[in-house]
Amino acid sequence: MQDQQTATAENQQEEFKSPFEEVKDMSDVKAFNILVQAANAAQRAGALSVRDSVFVAKAAEHLGDKFNNPSK
């Protein structure tokens, strides 16, 4: 049992990557997805008004359309 816990702890340490390193390979799609996730979290927490929610949803839809149809 102890060996499994030690192995799990070692794997978690090896898999840890600094967020400052992770953002170095940021793409437009990754950035968009992060913003959508943050907006969803804010909405679930009740941090956005209805007006803000509408604007965030429309902004996400607008950018999503641009990513899916770059010629627009």
PDB file of N, CA and C in Angstrom:
ATOM      1  N   MET A   1       0.820  -1.188   0.000  1.00  0.00           N
ATOM      2  CA  MET A   1       0.000   0.000   0.000  1.00  0.00           C
ATOM      3  C   MET A   1       0.867   1.255   0.000  1.00  0.00           C
ATOM      4  N   GLN A   2       1.881   1.271   0.826  1.00  0.00           N
ATOM      5  CA  GLN A   2       2.782   2.417   0.895  1.00  0.00           C
ATOM      6  C   GLN A   2       3.491   2.630  -0.441  1.00  0.00           C
ATOM      7  N   ASP A   3       3.879   1.524  -1.097  1.00  0.00           N
ATOM      8  CA  ASP A   3       4.558   1.634  -2.385  1.00  0.00           C
ATOM      9  C   ASP A   3       3.651   2.287  -3.425  1.00  0.00           C
ATOM     10  N   GLN A   4       2.360   1.955  -3.403  1.00  0.00           N
ATOM     11  CA  GLN A   4       1.420   2.549  -4.346  1.00  0.00           C
ATOM     12  C   GLN A   4       1.274   4.045  -4.092  1.00  0.00           C
ATOM     13  N   GLN A   5       1.198   4.435  -2.827  1.00  0.00           N
ATOM     14  CA  GLN A   5       1.081   5.848  -2.494  1.00  0.00           C
ATOM     15  C   GLN A   5       2.329   6.614  -2.903  1.00  0.00           C
ATOM     16  N   THR A   6       3.476   6.019  -2.693  1.00  0.00           N
ATOM     17  CA  THR A   6       4.737   6.652  -3.076  1.00  0.00           C
ATOM     18  C   THR A   6       4.809   6.791  -4.590  1.00  0.00           C
ATOM     19  N   ALA A   7       4.434   5.738  -5.308  1.00  0.00           N
ATOM     20  CA  ALA A   7       4.459   5.776  -6.771  1.00  0.00           C
ATOM     21  C   ALA A   7       3.489   6.821  -7.296  1.00  0.00           C
ATOM     22  N   THR A   8       2.301   6.912  -6.700  1.00  0.00           N
ATOM     23  CA  THR A   8       1.322   7.905  -7.120  1.00  0.00           C
ATOM     24  C   THR A   8       1.846   9.309  -6.870  1.00  0.00           C
ATOM     25  N   ALA A   9       2.437   9.540  -5.724  1.00  0.00           N
ATOM     26  CA  ALA A   9       2.990  10.858  -5.405  1.00  0.00           C
ATOM     27  C   ALA A   9       4.107  11.227  -6.373  1.00  0.00           C
ATOM     28  N   GLU A  10       4.950  10.268  -6.717  1.00  0.00           N
ATOM     29  CA  GLU A  10       6.034  10.540  -7.656  1.00  0.00           C
ATOM     30  C   GLU A  10       5.484  10.857  -9.037  1.00  0.00           C
ATOM     31  N   ASN A  11       4.455  10.142  -9.487  1.00  0.00           N
ATOM     32  CA  ASN A  11       3.848  10.405 -10.794  1.00  0.00           C
ATOM     33  C   ASN A  11       3.221  11.791 -10.831  1.00  0.00           C
ATOM     34  N   GLN A  12       2.580  12.191  -9.741  1.00  0.00           N
ATOM     35  CA  GLN A  12       1.968  13.511  -9.698  1.00  0.00           C
ATOM     36  C   GLN A  12       3.022  14.598  -9.776  1.00  0.00           C
ATOM     37  N   GLN A  13       4.167  14.394  -9.137  1.00  0.00           N
ATOM     38  CA  GLN A  13       5.236  15.382  -9.196  1.00  0.00           C
ATOM     39  C   GLN A  13       5.807  15.467 -10.607  1.00  0.00           C
ATOM     40  N   GLU A  14       5.954  14.339 -11.277  1.00  0.00           N
ATOM     41  CA  GLU A  14       6.490  14.332 -12.628  1.00  0.00           C
ATOM     42  C   GLU A  14       5.534  14.983 -13.600  1.00  0.00           C
ATOM     43  N   GLU A  15       4.216  14.837 -13.387  1.00  0.00           N
ATOM     44  CA  GLU A  15       3.215  15.376 -14.294  1.00  0.00           C
ATOM     45  C   GLU A  15       2.965  16.866 -14.071  1.00  0.00           C
ATOM     46  N   PHE A  16       3.362  17.409 -12.927  1.00  0.00           N
ATOM     47  CA  PHE A  16       3.124  18.812 -12.639  1.00  0.00           C
ATOM     48  C   PHE A  16       3.915  19.682 -13.607  1.00  0.00           C
ATOM     49  N   LYS A  17       3.216  20.645 -14.168  1.00  0.00           N
ATOM     50  CA  LYS A  17       3.856  21.586 -15.071  1.00  0.00           C
ATOM     51  C   LYS A  17       3.403  22.980 -14.640  1.00  0.00           C
ATOM     52  N   SER A  18       4.333  23.854 -14.497  1.00  0.00           N
ATOM     53  CA  SER A  18       4.018  25.214 -14.080  1.00  0.00           C
ATOM     54  C   SER A  18       3.043  25.849 -15.066  1.00  0.00           C
ATOM     55  N   PRO A  19       2.036  26.566 -14.574  1.00  0.00           N
ATOM     56  CA  PRO A  19       1.128  27.239 -15.500  1.00  0.00           C
ATOM     57  C   PRO A  19       1.854  28.267 -16.366  1.00  0.00           C
ATOM     58  N   PHE A  20       2.962  28.798 -15.855  1.00  0.00           N
ATOM     59  CA  PHE A  20       3.739  29.758 -16.644  1.00  0.00           C
ATOM     60  C   PHE A  20       4.406  29.081 -17.835  1.00  0.00           C
ATOM     61  N   GLU A  21       4.701  27.790 -17.700  1.00  0.00           N
ATOM     62  CA  GLU A  21       5.238  27.014 -18.822  1.00  0.00           C
ATOM     63  C   GLU A  21       4.117  26.607 -19.773  1.00  0.00           C
ATOM     64  N   GLU A  22       2.970  26.245 -19.208  1.00  0.00           N
ATOM     65  CA  GLU A  22       1.845  25.793 -20.022  1.00  0.00           C
ATOM     66  C   GLU A  22       1.345  26.887 -20.962  1.00  0.00           C
ATOM     67  N   VAL A  23       1.353  28.144 -20.511  1.00  0.00           N
ATOM     68  CA  VAL A  23       0.804  29.210 -21.344  1.00  0.00           C
ATOM     69  C   VAL A  23       1.725  29.607 -22.497  1.00  0.00           C
ATOM     70  N   LYS A  24       2.936  29.108 -22.486  1.00  0.00           N
ATOM     71  CA  LYS A  24       3.866  29.460 -23.564  1.00  0.00           C
ATOM     72  C   LYS A  24       3.413  28.926 -24.916  1.00  0.00           C
ATOM     73  N   ASP A  25       2.638  27.839 -24.919  1.00  0.00           N
ATOM     74  CA  ASP A  25       2.158  27.302 -26.194  1.00  0.00           C
ATOM     75  C   ASP A  25       0.668  27.586 -26.390  1.00  0.00           C
ATOM     76  N   MET A  26       0.233  28.771 -25.953  1.00  0.00           N
ATOM     77  CA  MET A  26      -1.165  29.179 -26.074  1.00  0.00           C
ATOM     78  C   MET A  26      -1.511  29.407 -27.539  1.00  0.00           C
ATOM     79  N   SER A  27      -2.635  28.872 -27.950  1.00  0.00           N
ATOM     80  CA  SER A  27      -3.145  29.097 -29.305  1.00  0.00           C
ATOM     81  C   SER A  27      -4.456  29.859 -29.204  1.00  0.00           C
ATOM     82  N   ASP A  28      -4.962  30.321 -30.324  1.00  0.00           N
ATOM     83  CA  ASP A  28      -6.246  31.023 -30.333  1.00  0.00           C
ATOM     84  C   ASP A  28      -7.360  30.128 -29.805  1.00  0.00           C
ATOM     85  N   VAL A  29      -7.350  28.876 -30.207  1.00  0.00           N
ATOM     86  CA  VAL A  29      -8.398  27.943 -29.781  1.00  0.00           C
ATOM     87  C   VAL A  29      -8.302  27.670 -28.283  1.00  0.00           C
ATOM     88  N   LYS A  30      -7.089  27.467 -27.779  1.00  0.00           N
ATOM     89  CA  LYS A  30      -6.916  27.249 -26.337  1.00  0.00           C
ATOM     90  C   LYS A  30      -7.375  28.481 -25.555  1.00  0.00           C
ATOM     91  N   ALA A  31      -7.005  29.656 -26.022  1.00  0.00           N
ATOM     92  CA  ALA A  31      -7.393  30.893 -25.348  1.00  0.00           C
ATOM     93  C   ALA A  31      -8.912  31.034 -25.327  1.00  0.00           C
ATOM     94  N   PHE A  32      -9.541  30.749 -26.448  1.00  0.00           N
ATOM     95  CA  PHE A  32     -11.007  30.811 -26.537  1.00  0.00           C
ATOM     96  C   PHE A  32     -11.650  29.844 -25.548  1.00  0.00           C
ATOM     97  N   ASN A  33     -11.150  28.618 -25.514  1.00  0.00           N
ATOM     98  CA  ASN A  33     -11.712  27.608 -24.615  1.00  0.00           C
ATOM     99  C   ASN A  33     -11.547  28.002 -23.150  1.00  0.00           C
ATOM    100  N   ILE A  34     -10.407  28.584 -22.813  1.00  0.00           N
ATOM    101  CA  ILE A  34     -10.182  29.029 -21.435  1.00  0.00           C
ATOM    102  C   ILE A  34     -11.161  30.134 -21.054  1.00  0.00           C
ATOM    103  N   LEU A  35     -11.378  31.068 -21.962  1.00  0.00           N
ATOM    104  CA  LEU A  35     -12.321  32.154 -21.674  1.00  0.00           C
ATOM    105  C   LEU A  35     -13.744  31.627 -21.522  1.00  0.00           C
ATOM    106  N   VAL A  36     -14.133  30.665 -22.339  1.00  0.00           N
ATOM    107  CA  VAL A  36     -15.470  30.076 -22.223  1.00  0.00           C
ATOM    108  C   VAL A  36     -15.602  29.342 -20.888  1.00  0.00           C
ATOM    109  N   GLN A  37     -14.568  28.601 -20.496  1.00  0.00           N
ATOM    110  CA  GLN A  37     -14.603  27.902 -19.209  1.00  0.00           C
ATOM    111  C   GLN A  37     -14.711  28.887 -18.052  1.00  0.00           C
ATOM    112  N   ALA A  38     -13.977  29.987 -18.134  1.00  0.00           N
ATOM    113  CA  ALA A  38     -14.029  30.999 -17.075  1.00  0.00           C
ATOM    114  C   ALA A  38     -15.413  31.655 -17.021  1.00  0.00           C
ATOM    115  N   ALA A  39     -15.989  31.911 -18.174  1.00  0.00           N
ATOM    116  CA  ALA A  39     -17.329  32.496 -18.215  1.00  0.00           C
ATOM    117  C   ALA A  39     -18.356  31.527 -17.630  1.00  0.00           C
ATOM    118  N   ASN A  40     -18.228  30.245 -17.945  1.00  0.00           N
ATOM    119  CA  ASN A  40     -19.141  29.243 -17.387  1.00  0.00           C
ATOM    120  C   ASN A  40     -19.006  29.172 -15.873  1.00  0.00           C
ATOM    121  N   ALA A  41     -17.781  29.214 -15.377  1.00  0.00           N
ATOM    122  CA  ALA A  41     -17.561  29.174 -13.930  1.00  0.00           C
ATOM    123  C   ALA A  41     -18.162  30.409 -13.259  1.00  0.00           C
ATOM    124  N   ALA A  42     -17.987  31.565 -13.873  1.00  0.00           N
ATOM    125  CA  ALA A  42     -18.545  32.804 -13.320  1.00  0.00           C
ATOM    126  C   ALA A  42     -20.067  32.746 -13.313  1.00  0.00           C
ATOM    127  N   GLN A  43     -20.634  32.195 -14.362  1.00  0.00           N
ATOM    128  CA  GLN A  43     -22.092  32.084 -14.445  1.00  0.00           C
ATOM    129  C   GLN A  43     -22.617  31.147 -13.359  1.00  0.00           C
ATOM    130  N   ARG A  44     -21.959  29.989 -13.194  1.00  0.00           N
ATOM    131  CA  ARG A  44     -22.382  29.027 -12.164  1.00  0.00           C
ATOM    132  C   ARG A  44     -22.284  29.634 -10.764  1.00  0.00           C
ATOM    133  N   ALA A  45     -21.298  30.480 -10.564  1.00  0.00           N
ATOM    134  CA  ALA A  45     -21.097  31.095  -9.252  1.00  0.00           C
ATOM    135  C   ALA A  45     -22.029  32.285  -9.032  1.00  0.00           C
ATOM    136  N   GLY A  46     -22.773  32.659 -10.062  1.00  0.00           N
ATOM    137  CA  GLY A  46     -23.671  33.800  -9.942  1.00  0.00           C
ATOM    138  C   GLY A  46     -22.961  35.129 -10.002  1.00  0.00           C
ATOM    139  N   ALA A  47     -21.774  35.146 -10.555  1.00  0.00           N
ATOM    140  CA  ALA A  47     -20.974  36.368 -10.597  1.00  0.00           C
ATOM    141  C   ALA A  47     -21.336  37.275 -11.776  1.00  0.00           C
ATOM    142  N   LEU A  48     -22.152  36.775 -12.698  1.00  0.00           N
ATOM    143  CA  LEU A  48     -22.528  37.579 -13.862  1.00  0.00           C
ATOM    144  C   LEU A  48     -24.002  37.954 -13.790  1.00  0.00           C
ATOM    145  N   SER A  49     -24.286  39.178 -14.192  1.00  0.00           N
ATOM    146  CA  SER A  49     -25.682  39.587 -14.311  1.00  0.00           C
ATOM    147  C   SER A  49     -26.254  38.941 -15.576  1.00  0.00           C
ATOM    148  N   VAL A  50     -27.561  39.021 -15.739  1.00  0.00           N
ATOM    149  CA  VAL A  50     -28.183  38.485 -16.957  1.00  0.00           C
ATOM    150  C   VAL A  50     -27.608  39.204 -18.175  1.00  0.00           C
ATOM    151  N   ARG A  51     -27.463  40.506 -18.083  1.00  0.00           N
ATOM    152  CA  ARG A  51     -26.908  41.295 -19.198  1.00  0.00           C
ATOM    153  C   ARG A  51     -25.500  40.816 -19.547  1.00  0.00           C
ATOM    154  N   ASP A  52     -24.664  40.668 -18.514  1.00  0.00           N
ATOM    155  CA  ASP A  52     -23.298  40.191 -18.743  1.00  0.00           C
ATOM    156  C   ASP A  52     -23.297  38.797 -19.370  1.00  0.00           C
ATOM    157  N   SER A  53     -24.179  37.947 -18.900  1.00  0.00           N
ATOM    158  CA  SER A  53     -24.266  36.586 -19.436  1.00  0.00           C
ATOM    159  C   SER A  53     -24.618  36.597 -20.919  1.00  0.00           C
ATOM    160  N   VAL A  54     -25.539  37.471 -21.299  1.00  0.00           N
ATOM    161  CA  VAL A  54     -25.929  37.575 -22.705  1.00  0.00           C
ATOM    162  C   VAL A  54     -24.747  38.042 -23.542  1.00  0.00           C
ATOM    163  N   PHE A  55     -24.016  39.045 -23.055  1.00  0.00           N
ATOM    164  CA  PHE A  55     -22.864  39.550 -23.800  1.00  0.00           C
ATOM    165  C   PHE A  55     -21.760  38.495 -23.914  1.00  0.00           C
ATOM    166  N   VAL A  56     -21.503  37.788 -22.833  1.00  0.00           N
ATOM    167  CA  VAL A  56     -20.472  36.746 -22.857  1.00  0.00           C
ATOM    168  C   VAL A  56     -20.867  35.631 -23.819  1.00  0.00           C
ATOM    169  N   ALA A  57     -22.127  35.218 -23.773  1.00  0.00           N
ATOM    170  CA  ALA A  57     -22.596  34.158 -24.670  1.00  0.00           C
ATOM    171  C   ALA A  57     -22.477  34.589 -26.128  1.00  0.00           C
ATOM    172  N   LYS A  58     -22.868  35.823 -26.430  1.00  0.00           N
ATOM    173  CA  LYS A  58     -22.787  36.317 -27.811  1.00  0.00           C
ATOM    174  C   LYS A  58     -21.330  36.454 -28.258  1.00  0.00           C
ATOM    175  N   ALA A  59     -20.462  36.907 -27.362  1.00  0.00           N
ATOM    176  CA  ALA A  59     -19.037  37.030 -27.702  1.00  0.00           C
ATOM    177  C   ALA A  59     -18.444  35.658 -27.997  1.00  0.00           C
ATOM    178  N   ALA A  60     -18.796  34.656 -27.195  1.00  0.00           N
ATOM    179  CA  ALA A  60     -18.303  33.302 -27.427  1.00  0.00           C
ATOM    180  C   ALA A  60     -18.830  32.758 -28.745  1.00  0.00           C
ATOM    181  N   GLU A  61     -20.102  32.997 -29.019  1.00  0.00           N
ATOM    182  CA  GLU A  61     -20.694  32.551 -30.288  1.00  0.00           C
ATOM    183  C   GLU A  61     -19.997  33.225 -31.469  1.00  0.00           C
ATOM    184  N   HIS A  62     -19.766  34.519 -31.343  1.00  0.00           N
ATOM    185  CA  HIS A  62     -19.107  35.287 -32.409  1.00  0.00           C
ATOM    186  C   HIS A  62     -17.699  34.755 -32.688  1.00  0.00           C
ATOM    187  N   LEU A  63     -16.922  34.577 -31.630  1.00  0.00           N
ATOM    188  CA  LEU A  63     -15.557  34.065 -31.818  1.00  0.00           C
ATOM    189  C   LEU A  63     -15.571  32.621 -32.298  1.00  0.00           C
ATOM    190  N   GLY A  64     -16.506  31.831 -31.792  1.00  0.00           N
ATOM    191  CA  GLY A  64     -16.611  30.440 -32.253  1.00  0.00           C
ATOM    192  C   GLY A  64     -16.896  30.380 -33.733  1.00  0.00           C
ATOM    193  N   ASP A  65     -17.785  31.262 -34.201  1.00  0.00           N
ATOM    194  CA  ASP A  65     -18.078  31.328 -35.649  1.00  0.00           C
ATOM    195  C   ASP A  65     -16.829  31.683 -36.434  1.00  0.00           C
ATOM    196  N   LYS A  66     -16.041  32.630 -35.928  1.00  0.00           N
ATOM    197  CA  LYS A  66     -14.808  33.024 -36.620  1.00  0.00           C
ATOM    198  C   LYS A  66     -13.814  31.868 -36.707  1.00  0.00           C
ATOM    199  N   PHE A  67     -13.727  31.063 -35.633  1.00  0.00           N
ATOM    200  CA  PHE A  67     -12.807  29.913 -35.649  1.00  0.00           C
ATOM    201  C   PHE A  67     -13.317  28.826 -36.595  1.00  0.00           C
ATOM    202  N   ASN A  68     -14.621  28.636 -36.656  1.00  0.00           N
ATOM    203  CA  ASN A  68     -15.191  27.587 -37.497  1.00  0.00           C
ATOM    204  C   ASN A  68     -15.310  28.000 -38.960  1.00  0.00           C
ATOM    205  N   ASN A  69     -15.420  29.307 -39.227  1.00  0.00           N
ATOM    206  CA  ASN A  69     -15.529  29.821 -40.582  1.00  0.00           C
ATOM    207  C   ASN A  69     -14.599  31.017 -40.749  1.00  0.00           C
ATOM    208  N   PRO A  70     -13.296  30.762 -40.906  1.00  0.00           N
ATOM    209  CA  PRO A  70     -12.320  31.863 -40.949  1.00  0.00           C
ATOM    210  C   PRO A  70     -12.540  32.873 -42.079  1.00  0.00           C
ATOM    211  N   SER A  71     -13.286  32.509 -43.109  1.00  0.00           N
ATOM    212  CA  SER A  71     -13.478  33.426 -44.244  1.00  0.00           C
ATOM    213  C   SER A  71     -14.477  34.530 -43.943  1.00  0.00           C
ATOM    214  N   LYS A  72     -15.216  34.431 -42.839  1.00  0.00           N
ATOM    215  CA  LYS A  72     -16.213  35.465 -42.483  1.00  0.00           C
ATOM    216  C   LYS A  72     -15.544  36.762 -42.095  1.00  0.00           C
TER     217      LYS A  72
END
